All heavy atoms as atom14 arrays in JSON, in Angstrom:
{
  "sequence": "QTDEKAMVRNVVGFYPYWAEITDETHLPGLLDALGPRHFDTPAPL",
  "atom14_mask": [
    [1, 1, 1, 1, 1, 1, 1, 1, 1, 0, 0, 0, 0, 0],
    [1, 1, 1, 1, 1, 1, 1, 0, 0, 0, 0, 0, 0, 0],
    [1, 1, 1, 1, 1, 1, 1, 1, 0, 0, 0, 0, 0, 0],
    [1, 1, 1, 1, 1, 1, 1, 1, 1, 0, 0, 0, 0, 0],
    [1, 1, 1, 1, 1, 1, 1, 1, 1, 0, 0, 0, 0, 0],
    [1, 1, 1, 1, 1, 0, 0, 0, 0, 0, 0, 0, 0, 0],
    [1, 1, 1, 1, 1, 1, 1, 1, 0, 0, 0, 0, 0, 0],
    [1, 1, 1, 1, 1, 1, 1, 0, 0, 0, 0, 0, 0, 0],
    [1, 1, 1, 1, 1, 1, 1, 1, 1, 1, 1, 0, 0, 0],
    [1, 1, 1, 1, 1, 1, 1, 1, 0, 0, 0, 0, 0, 0],
    [1, 1, 1, 1, 1, 1, 1, 0, 0, 0, 0, 0, 0, 0],
    [1, 1, 1, 1, 1, 1, 1, 0, 0, 0, 0, 0, 0, 0],
    [1, 1, 1, 1, 0, 0, 0, 0, 0, 0, 0, 0, 0, 0],
    [1, 1, 1, 1, 1, 1, 1, 1, 1, 1, 1, 0, 0, 0],
    [1, 1, 1, 1, 1, 1, 1, 1, 1, 1, 1, 1, 0, 0],
    [1, 1, 1, 1, 1, 1, 1, 0, 0, 0, 0, 0, 0, 0],
    [1, 1, 1, 1, 1, 1, 1, 1, 1, 1, 1, 1, 0, 0],
    [1, 1, 1, 1, 1, 1, 1, 1, 1, 1, 1, 1, 1, 1],
    [1, 1, 1, 1, 1, 0, 0, 0, 0, 0, 0, 0, 0, 0],
    [1, 1, 1, 1, 1, 1, 1, 1, 1, 0, 0, 0, 0, 0],
    [1, 1, 1, 1, 1, 1, 1, 1, 0, 0, 0, 0, 0, 0],
    [1, 1, 1, 1, 1, 1, 1, 0, 0, 0, 0, 0, 0, 0],
    [1, 1, 1, 1, 1, 1, 1, 1, 0, 0, 0, 0, 0, 0],
    [1, 1, 1, 1, 1, 1, 1, 1, 1, 0, 0, 0, 0, 0],
    [1, 1, 1, 1, 1, 1, 1, 0, 0, 0, 0, 0, 0, 0],
    [1, 1, 1, 1, 1, 1, 1, 1, 1, 1, 0, 0, 0, 0],
    [1, 1, 1, 1, 1, 1, 1, 1, 0, 0, 0, 0, 0, 0],
    [1, 1, 1, 1, 1, 1, 1, 0, 0, 0, 0, 0, 0, 0],
    [1, 1, 1, 1, 0, 0, 0, 0, 0, 0, 0, 0, 0, 0],
    [1, 1, 1, 1, 1, 1, 1, 1, 0, 0, 0, 0, 0, 0],
    [1, 1, 1, 1, 1, 1, 1, 1, 0, 0, 0, 0, 0, 0],
    [1, 1, 1, 1, 1, 1, 1, 1, 0, 0, 0, 0, 0, 0],
    [1, 1, 1, 1, 1, 0, 0, 0, 0, 0, 0, 0, 0, 0],
    [1, 1, 1, 1, 1, 1, 1, 1, 0, 0, 0, 0, 0, 0],
    [1, 1, 1, 1, 0, 0, 0, 0, 0, 0, 0, 0, 0, 0],
    [1, 1, 1, 1, 1, 1, 1, 0, 0, 0, 0, 0, 0, 0],
    [1, 1, 1, 1, 1, 1, 1, 1, 1, 1, 1, 0, 0, 0],
    [1, 1, 1, 1, 1, 1, 1, 1, 1, 1, 0, 0, 0, 0],
    [1, 1, 1, 1, 1, 1, 1, 1, 1, 1, 1, 0, 0, 0],
    [1, 1, 1, 1, 1, 1, 1, 1, 0, 0, 0, 0, 0, 0],
    [1, 1, 1, 1, 1, 1, 1, 0, 0, 0, 0, 0, 0, 0],
    [1, 1, 1, 1, 1, 1, 1, 0, 0, 0, 0, 0, 0, 0],
    [1, 1, 1, 1, 1, 0, 0, 0, 0, 0, 0, 0, 0, 0],
    [1, 1, 1, 1, 1, 1, 1, 0, 0, 0, 0, 0, 0, 0],
    [1, 1, 1, 1, 1, 1, 1, 1, 0, 0, 0, 0, 0, 0]
  ],
  "atom14_positions": [
    [[62.74, 92.57, 118.38], [62.46, 93.72, 119.25], [61.47, 94.71, 118.61], [60.61, 95.26, 119.3], [63.76, 94.45, 119.59], [64.71, 93.63, 120.46], [66.04, 94.33, 120.66], [66.5, 95.09, 119.79], [66.67, 94.06, 121.8], [0.0, 0.0, 0.0], [0.0, 0.0, 0.0], [0.0, 0.0, 0.0], [0.0, 0.0, 0.0], [0.0, 0.0, 0.0]],
    [[61.6, 94.93, 117.32], [60.81, 95.98, 116.66], [59.6, 95.46, 115.9], [58.74, 96.25, 115.5], [61.7, 96.75, 115.68], [62.04, 95.89, 114.58], [62.96, 97.27, 116.37], [0.0, 0.0, 0.0], [0.0, 0.0, 0.0], [0.0, 0.0, 0.0], [0.0, 0.0, 0.0], [0.0, 0.0, 0.0], [0.0, 0.0, 0.0], [0.0, 0.0, 0.0]],
    [[59.54, 94.14, 115.67], [58.49, 93.52, 114.85], [58.57, 93.93, 113.38], [57.63, 93.67, 112.6], [57.08, 93.82, 115.38], [56.73, 92.98, 116.59], [57.51, 92.06, 116.93], [55.67, 93.23, 117.2], [0.0, 0.0, 0.0], [0.0, 0.0, 0.0], [0.0, 0.0, 0.0], [0.0, 0.0, 0.0], [0.0, 0.0, 0.0], [0.0, 0.0, 0.0]],
    [[59.66, 94.54, 112.97], [59.84, 94.83, 111.55], [59.99, 93.51, 110.8], [60.65, 92.58, 111.25], [61.09, 95.69, 111.33], [61.33, 96.04, 109.86], [62.61, 96.83, 109.64], [63.24, 97.24, 110.64], [63.0, 97.01, 108.46], [0.0, 0.0, 0.0], [0.0, 0.0, 0.0], [0.0, 0.0, 0.0], [0.0, 0.0, 0.0], [0.0, 0.0, 0.0]],
    [[59.36, 93.45, 109.63], [59.41, 92.22, 108.85], [60.78, 92.07, 108.18], [61.33, 93.02, 107.62], [58.32, 92.21, 107.78], [56.9, 92.18, 108.32], [55.89, 92.15, 107.2], [54.46, 92.13, 107.75], [54.1, 93.44, 108.35], [0.0, 0.0, 0.0], [0.0, 0.0, 0.0], [0.0, 0.0, 0.0], [0.0, 0.0, 0.0], [0.0, 0.0, 0.0]],
    [[61.29, 90.84, 108.25], [62.47, 90.47, 107.45], [61.94, 89.99, 106.11], [61.41, 88.88, 106.0], [63.26, 89.37, 108.15], [0.0, 0.0, 0.0], [0.0, 0.0, 0.0], [0.0, 0.0, 0.0], [0.0, 0.0, 0.0], [0.0, 0.0, 0.0], [0.0, 0.0, 0.0], [0.0, 0.0, 0.0], [0.0, 0.0, 0.0], [0.0, 0.0, 0.0]],
    [[62.07, 90.82, 105.1], [61.39, 90.57, 103.82], [62.12, 89.51, 102.98], [62.68, 89.78, 101.92], [61.23, 91.88, 103.06], [60.43, 92.93, 103.82], [58.74, 92.39, 104.24], [58.0, 92.4, 102.61], [0.0, 0.0, 0.0], [0.0, 0.0, 0.0], [0.0, 0.0, 0.0], [0.0, 0.0, 0.0], [0.0, 0.0, 0.0], [0.0, 0.0, 0.0]],
    [[62.09, 88.31, 103.5], [62.68, 87.15, 102.85], [61.59, 86.09, 102.74], [61.01, 85.68, 103.76], [63.88, 86.59, 103.64], [64.45, 85.36, 102.94], [64.95, 87.65, 103.84], [0.0, 0.0, 0.0], [0.0, 0.0, 0.0], [0.0, 0.0, 0.0], [0.0, 0.0, 0.0], [0.0, 0.0, 0.0], [0.0, 0.0, 0.0], [0.0, 0.0, 0.0]],
    [[61.33, 85.67, 101.53], [60.33, 84.6, 101.36], [60.99, 83.25, 101.69], [61.47, 82.54, 100.83], [59.8, 84.6, 99.92], [58.69, 85.61, 99.66], [58.15, 85.41, 98.24], [56.94, 86.18, 97.99], [56.91, 87.42, 97.53], [58.06, 88.05, 97.29], [55.77, 88.04, 97.32], [0.0, 0.0, 0.0], [0.0, 0.0, 0.0], [0.0, 0.0, 0.0]],
    [[60.98, 82.91, 102.98], [61.41, 81.59, 103.42], [60.28, 80.6, 103.21], [59.1, 80.96, 103.23], [61.78, 81.61, 104.9], [63.01, 82.43, 105.21], [63.98, 82.44, 104.45], [62.98, 83.15, 106.32], [0.0, 0.0, 0.0], [0.0, 0.0, 0.0], [0.0, 0.0, 0.0], [0.0, 0.0, 0.0], [0.0, 0.0, 0.0], [0.0, 0.0, 0.0]],
    [[60.63, 79.34, 103.06], [59.61, 78.3, 102.86], [58.65, 78.22, 104.04], [57.51, 77.76, 103.89], [60.29, 76.94, 102.57], [60.97, 76.39, 103.82], [59.29, 75.94, 102.0], [0.0, 0.0, 0.0], [0.0, 0.0, 0.0], [0.0, 0.0, 0.0], [0.0, 0.0, 0.0], [0.0, 0.0, 0.0], [0.0, 0.0, 0.0], [0.0, 0.0, 0.0]],
    [[59.06, 78.7, 105.21], [58.18, 78.64, 106.38], [56.98, 79.57, 106.22], [56.02, 79.47, 106.99], [58.94, 78.96, 107.68], [60.04, 77.95, 107.92], [59.5, 80.38, 107.67], [0.0, 0.0, 0.0], [0.0, 0.0, 0.0], [0.0, 0.0, 0.0], [0.0, 0.0, 0.0], [0.0, 0.0, 0.0], [0.0, 0.0, 0.0], [0.0, 0.0, 0.0]],
    [[57.0, 80.44, 105.22], [55.84, 81.27, 104.95], [54.61, 80.47, 104.55], [53.49, 81.0, 104.55], [0.0, 0.0, 0.0], [0.0, 0.0, 0.0], [0.0, 0.0, 0.0], [0.0, 0.0, 0.0], [0.0, 0.0, 0.0], [0.0, 0.0, 0.0], [0.0, 0.0, 0.0], [0.0, 0.0, 0.0], [0.0, 0.0, 0.0], [0.0, 0.0, 0.0]],
    [[54.79, 79.19, 104.21], [53.65, 78.32, 103.88], [53.01, 77.72, 105.14], [51.92, 77.14, 105.06], [54.08, 77.19, 102.95], [54.48, 77.65, 101.57], [55.8, 77.59, 101.16], [53.54, 78.16, 100.69], [56.18, 78.01, 99.89], [53.91, 78.59, 99.42], [55.23, 78.52, 99.02], [0.0, 0.0, 0.0], [0.0, 0.0, 0.0], [0.0, 0.0, 0.0]],
    [[53.67, 77.81, 106.26], [53.19, 77.13, 107.47], [51.8, 77.58, 107.92], [51.01, 76.74, 108.4], [54.2, 77.31, 108.61], [55.38, 76.37, 108.6], [56.04, 76.04, 107.41], [55.86, 75.8, 109.77], [57.12, 75.18, 107.4], [56.94, 74.94, 109.78], [57.58, 74.63, 108.59], [58.65, 73.79, 108.6], [0.0, 0.0, 0.0], [0.0, 0.0, 0.0]],
    [[51.45, 78.86, 107.85], [50.09, 79.23, 108.29], [48.98, 78.56, 107.47], [47.89, 78.29, 108.01], [50.08, 80.76, 108.11], [51.52, 81.16, 108.3], [52.29, 80.06, 107.62], [0.0, 0.0, 0.0], [0.0, 0.0, 0.0], [0.0, 0.0, 0.0], [0.0, 0.0, 0.0], [0.0, 0.0, 0.0], [0.0, 0.0, 0.0], [0.0, 0.0, 0.0]],
    [[49.25, 78.28, 106.2], [48.25, 77.55, 105.39], [48.12, 76.11, 105.91], [47.01, 75.57, 105.99], [48.66, 77.55, 103.92], [48.78, 78.94, 103.33], [50.02, 79.57, 103.22], [47.65, 79.61, 102.86], [50.13, 80.85, 102.68], [47.75, 80.89, 102.31], [49.0, 81.5, 102.23], [49.11, 82.75, 101.7], [0.0, 0.0, 0.0], [0.0, 0.0, 0.0]],
    [[49.23, 75.52, 106.25], [49.25, 74.17, 106.82], [48.46, 74.13, 108.13], [47.74, 73.17, 108.41], [50.71, 73.75, 107.02], [50.97, 72.5, 107.78], [50.48, 71.25, 107.53], [51.84, 72.38, 108.93], [51.0, 70.34, 108.44], [51.83, 71.01, 109.3], [52.62, 73.26, 109.65], [52.58, 70.53, 110.37], [53.37, 72.78, 110.73], [53.34, 71.44, 111.07]],
    [[48.59, 75.19, 108.93], [47.91, 75.25, 110.23], [46.43, 75.62, 110.09], [45.71, 75.63, 111.09], [48.61, 76.26, 111.14], [0.0, 0.0, 0.0], [0.0, 0.0, 0.0], [0.0, 0.0, 0.0], [0.0, 0.0, 0.0], [0.0, 0.0, 0.0], [0.0, 0.0, 0.0], [0.0, 0.0, 0.0], [0.0, 0.0, 0.0], [0.0, 0.0, 0.0]],
    [[46.0, 75.93, 108.87], [44.59, 76.24, 108.59], [44.1, 77.47, 109.35], [42.97, 77.5, 109.84], [43.7, 75.03, 108.88], [44.05, 73.8, 108.06], [43.18, 72.6, 108.36], [42.12, 72.47, 107.72], [43.56, 71.81, 109.25], [0.0, 0.0, 0.0], [0.0, 0.0, 0.0], [0.0, 0.0, 0.0], [0.0, 0.0, 0.0], [0.0, 0.0, 0.0]],
    [[44.95, 78.51, 109.4], [44.52, 79.75, 110.05], [44.27, 80.85, 109.02], [43.93, 81.97, 109.39], [45.53, 80.23, 111.1], [46.87, 80.6, 110.46], [45.73, 79.17, 112.18], [47.84, 81.28, 111.42], [0.0, 0.0, 0.0], [0.0, 0.0, 0.0], [0.0, 0.0, 0.0], [0.0, 0.0, 0.0], [0.0, 0.0, 0.0], [0.0, 0.0, 0.0]],
    [[44.42, 80.55, 107.74], [44.26, 81.55, 106.7], [42.83, 81.55, 106.17], [42.03, 80.65, 106.47], [45.23, 81.29, 105.54], [44.97, 79.99, 104.99], [46.67, 81.34, 106.02], [0.0, 0.0, 0.0], [0.0, 0.0, 0.0], [0.0, 0.0, 0.0], [0.0, 0.0, 0.0], [0.0, 0.0, 0.0], [0.0, 0.0, 0.0], [0.0, 0.0, 0.0]],
    [[42.51, 82.55, 105.35], [41.2, 82.6, 104.7], [41.39, 82.99, 103.24], [42.52, 83.0, 102.73], [40.25, 83.55, 105.43], [40.77, 84.99, 105.51], [41.51, 85.41, 104.58], [40.44, 85.69, 106.47], [0.0, 0.0, 0.0], [0.0, 0.0, 0.0], [0.0, 0.0, 0.0], [0.0, 0.0, 0.0], [0.0, 0.0, 0.0], [0.0, 0.0, 0.0]],
    [[40.29, 83.34, 102.56], [40.36, 83.6, 101.12], [41.23, 84.8, 100.78], [41.74, 84.89, 99.65], [38.94, 83.79, 100.56], [38.19, 85.01, 101.08], [37.51, 84.76, 102.42], [37.63, 83.63, 102.95], [36.86, 85.7, 102.92], [0.0, 0.0, 0.0], [0.0, 0.0, 0.0], [0.0, 0.0, 0.0], [0.0, 0.0, 0.0], [0.0, 0.0, 0.0]],
    [[41.44, 85.7, 101.73], [42.28, 86.87, 101.43], [43.75, 86.49, 101.26], [44.52, 87.24, 100.67], [42.17, 87.93, 102.54], [42.68, 87.4, 103.77], [40.73, 88.36, 102.72], [0.0, 0.0, 0.0], [0.0, 0.0, 0.0], [0.0, 0.0, 0.0], [0.0, 0.0, 0.0], [0.0, 0.0, 0.0], [0.0, 0.0, 0.0], [0.0, 0.0, 0.0]],
    [[44.12, 85.33, 101.77], [45.51, 84.89, 101.69], [45.79, 84.0, 100.48], [46.95, 83.67, 100.2], [45.9, 84.14, 102.96], [45.7, 84.94, 104.22], [44.59, 84.78, 105.02], [46.45, 85.91, 104.8], [44.67, 85.61, 106.06], [45.79, 86.3, 105.94], [0.0, 0.0, 0.0], [0.0, 0.0, 0.0], [0.0, 0.0, 0.0], [0.0, 0.0, 0.0]],
    [[44.74, 83.59, 99.77], [44.91, 82.65, 98.66], [45.72, 83.22, 97.5], [46.59, 82.51, 96.95], [43.55, 82.16, 98.17], [42.91, 81.06, 99.01], [41.52, 80.72, 98.46], [43.78, 79.81, 99.04], [0.0, 0.0, 0.0], [0.0, 0.0, 0.0], [0.0, 0.0, 0.0], [0.0, 0.0, 0.0], [0.0, 0.0, 0.0], [0.0, 0.0, 0.0]],
    [[45.5, 84.46, 97.07], [46.33, 84.97, 95.96], [47.82, 84.94, 96.27], [48.64, 84.65, 95.39], [45.81, 86.4, 95.77], [44.41, 86.36, 96.28], [44.44, 85.41, 97.44], [0.0, 0.0, 0.0], [0.0, 0.0, 0.0], [0.0, 0.0, 0.0], [0.0, 0.0, 0.0], [0.0, 0.0, 0.0], [0.0, 0.0, 0.0], [0.0, 0.0, 0.0]],
    [[48.17, 85.23, 97.52], [49.58, 85.17, 97.89], [50.14, 83.77, 97.82], [51.29, 83.56, 97.4], [0.0, 0.0, 0.0], [0.0, 0.0, 0.0], [0.0, 0.0, 0.0], [0.0, 0.0, 0.0], [0.0, 0.0, 0.0], [0.0, 0.0, 0.0], [0.0, 0.0, 0.0], [0.0, 0.0, 0.0], [0.0, 0.0, 0.0], [0.0, 0.0, 0.0]],
    [[49.34, 82.79, 98.24], [49.77, 81.4, 98.15], [50.03, 81.0, 96.7], [51.07, 80.41, 96.38], [48.71, 80.49, 98.76], [48.91, 78.99, 98.58], [50.14, 78.51, 99.33], [47.67, 78.21, 99.04], [0.0, 0.0, 0.0], [0.0, 0.0, 0.0], [0.0, 0.0, 0.0], [0.0, 0.0, 0.0], [0.0, 0.0, 0.0], [0.0, 0.0, 0.0]],
    [[49.1, 81.33, 95.83], [49.23, 80.94, 94.43], [50.42, 81.63, 93.77], [51.13, 81.03, 92.95], [47.94, 81.25, 93.68], [46.69, 80.53, 94.21], [45.46, 80.96, 93.43], [46.87, 79.03, 94.15], [0.0, 0.0, 0.0], [0.0, 0.0, 0.0], [0.0, 0.0, 0.0], [0.0, 0.0, 0.0], [0.0, 0.0, 0.0], [0.0, 0.0, 0.0]],
    [[50.64, 82.88, 94.12], [51.8, 83.59, 93.57], [53.1, 82.95, 94.05], [54.04, 82.76, 93.27], [51.74, 85.06, 93.97], [52.92, 85.85, 93.43], [53.11, 85.87, 92.19], [53.68, 86.42, 94.24], [0.0, 0.0, 0.0], [0.0, 0.0, 0.0], [0.0, 0.0, 0.0], [0.0, 0.0, 0.0], [0.0, 0.0, 0.0], [0.0, 0.0, 0.0]],
    [[53.14, 82.62, 95.34], [54.36, 82.01, 95.88], [54.65, 80.66, 95.25], [55.83, 80.27, 95.11], [54.23, 81.86, 97.4], [0.0, 0.0, 0.0], [0.0, 0.0, 0.0], [0.0, 0.0, 0.0], [0.0, 0.0, 0.0], [0.0, 0.0, 0.0], [0.0, 0.0, 0.0], [0.0, 0.0, 0.0], [0.0, 0.0, 0.0], [0.0, 0.0, 0.0]],
    [[53.62, 79.95, 94.84], [53.8, 78.63, 94.23], [54.06, 78.7, 92.73], [54.13, 77.67, 92.06], [52.57, 77.76, 94.5], [52.39, 77.33, 95.97], [51.06, 76.61, 96.16], [53.55, 76.45, 96.43], [0.0, 0.0, 0.0], [0.0, 0.0, 0.0], [0.0, 0.0, 0.0], [0.0, 0.0, 0.0], [0.0, 0.0, 0.0], [0.0, 0.0, 0.0]],
    [[54.25, 79.89, 92.22], [54.54, 80.06, 90.81], [56.03, 80.02, 90.53], [56.87, 79.94, 91.43], [0.0, 0.0, 0.0], [0.0, 0.0, 0.0], [0.0, 0.0, 0.0], [0.0, 0.0, 0.0], [0.0, 0.0, 0.0], [0.0, 0.0, 0.0], [0.0, 0.0, 0.0], [0.0, 0.0, 0.0], [0.0, 0.0, 0.0], [0.0, 0.0, 0.0]],
    [[56.42, 80.1, 89.25], [57.82, 79.95, 88.86], [58.73, 81.08, 89.33], [59.95, 80.9, 89.38], [57.76, 79.89, 87.33], [56.45, 80.51, 86.96], [55.52, 80.21, 88.09], [0.0, 0.0, 0.0], [0.0, 0.0, 0.0], [0.0, 0.0, 0.0], [0.0, 0.0, 0.0], [0.0, 0.0, 0.0], [0.0, 0.0, 0.0], [0.0, 0.0, 0.0]],
    [[58.19, 82.22, 89.69], [59.05, 83.3, 90.19], [59.61, 82.98, 91.56], [60.63, 83.54, 91.97], [58.26, 84.61, 90.28], [58.0, 85.32, 88.97], [57.59, 86.77, 89.19], [56.51, 86.9, 90.17], [56.55, 87.73, 91.21], [57.62, 88.47, 91.41], [55.52, 87.81, 92.03], [0.0, 0.0, 0.0], [0.0, 0.0, 0.0], [0.0, 0.0, 0.0]],
    [[58.93, 82.1, 92.28], [59.31, 81.87, 93.67], [59.64, 80.39, 93.94], [60.78, 79.99, 93.81], [58.22, 82.4, 94.6], [58.02, 83.88, 94.49], [59.02, 84.79, 94.71], [56.91, 84.61, 94.15], [58.56, 86.02, 94.53], [57.28, 85.94, 94.18], [0.0, 0.0, 0.0], [0.0, 0.0, 0.0], [0.0, 0.0, 0.0], [0.0, 0.0, 0.0]],
    [[58.65, 79.59, 94.29], [58.97, 78.27, 94.83], [58.78, 77.11, 93.85], [59.09, 75.97, 94.17], [58.15, 78.02, 96.1], [58.6, 78.87, 97.25], [58.03, 80.11, 97.49], [59.64, 78.47, 98.08], [58.45, 80.91, 98.54], [60.08, 79.25, 99.13], [59.49, 80.48, 99.37], [0.0, 0.0, 0.0], [0.0, 0.0, 0.0], [0.0, 0.0, 0.0]],
    [[58.3, 77.39, 92.65], [58.16, 76.31, 91.67], [59.43, 76.22, 90.82], [59.44, 76.47, 89.62], [56.94, 76.53, 90.78], [56.64, 75.3, 89.91], [57.24, 74.24, 90.17], [55.81, 75.42, 89.0], [0.0, 0.0, 0.0], [0.0, 0.0, 0.0], [0.0, 0.0, 0.0], [0.0, 0.0, 0.0], [0.0, 0.0, 0.0], [0.0, 0.0, 0.0]],
    [[60.51, 75.86, 91.47], [61.79, 75.64, 90.79], [61.77, 74.26, 90.13], [60.85, 73.48, 90.35], [62.94, 75.74, 91.79], [62.7, 74.82, 92.86], [63.06, 77.16, 92.36], [0.0, 0.0, 0.0], [0.0, 0.0, 0.0], [0.0, 0.0, 0.0], [0.0, 0.0, 0.0], [0.0, 0.0, 0.0], [0.0, 0.0, 0.0], [0.0, 0.0, 0.0]],
    [[62.78, 73.91, 89.35], [62.77, 72.58, 88.73], [62.66, 71.43, 89.73], [62.11, 70.38, 89.41], [64.11, 72.55, 87.99], [64.35, 73.98, 87.61], [63.84, 74.77, 88.79], [0.0, 0.0, 0.0], [0.0, 0.0, 0.0], [0.0, 0.0, 0.0], [0.0, 0.0, 0.0], [0.0, 0.0, 0.0], [0.0, 0.0, 0.0], [0.0, 0.0, 0.0]],
    [[63.19, 71.62, 90.93], [63.04, 70.63, 92.01], [62.46, 71.36, 93.22], [63.17, 71.75, 94.13], [64.37, 69.97, 92.35], [0.0, 0.0, 0.0], [0.0, 0.0, 0.0], [0.0, 0.0, 0.0], [0.0, 0.0, 0.0], [0.0, 0.0, 0.0], [0.0, 0.0, 0.0], [0.0, 0.0, 0.0], [0.0, 0.0, 0.0], [0.0, 0.0, 0.0]],
    [[61.15, 71.6, 93.21], [60.56, 72.42, 94.27], [60.43, 71.62, 95.57], [60.54, 70.4, 95.55], [59.17, 72.75, 93.68], [58.85, 71.57, 92.81], [60.16, 71.12, 92.24], [0.0, 0.0, 0.0], [0.0, 0.0, 0.0], [0.0, 0.0, 0.0], [0.0, 0.0, 0.0], [0.0, 0.0, 0.0], [0.0, 0.0, 0.0], [0.0, 0.0, 0.0]],
    [[60.24, 72.27, 96.68], [60.07, 73.69, 96.97], [61.35, 74.15, 97.68], [61.69, 73.59, 98.74], [58.86, 73.9, 97.88], [57.51, 73.49, 97.29], [56.66, 72.81, 98.35], [56.81, 74.73, 96.79], [0.0, 0.0, 0.0], [0.0, 0.0, 0.0], [0.0, 0.0, 0.0], [0.0, 0.0, 0.0], [0.0, 0.0, 0.0], [0.0, 0.0, 0.0]]
  ]
}
């Protein structure tokens, strides 16, 4: 109803990259998400 973001990094946050709708401004976020703080667990993703 409000469009407020649910600030949870779900794996579906990678879907826009898959759909090829992103550009270079979104790349740092992708690389950060794929790091050990987030989705690069011992058995990712």
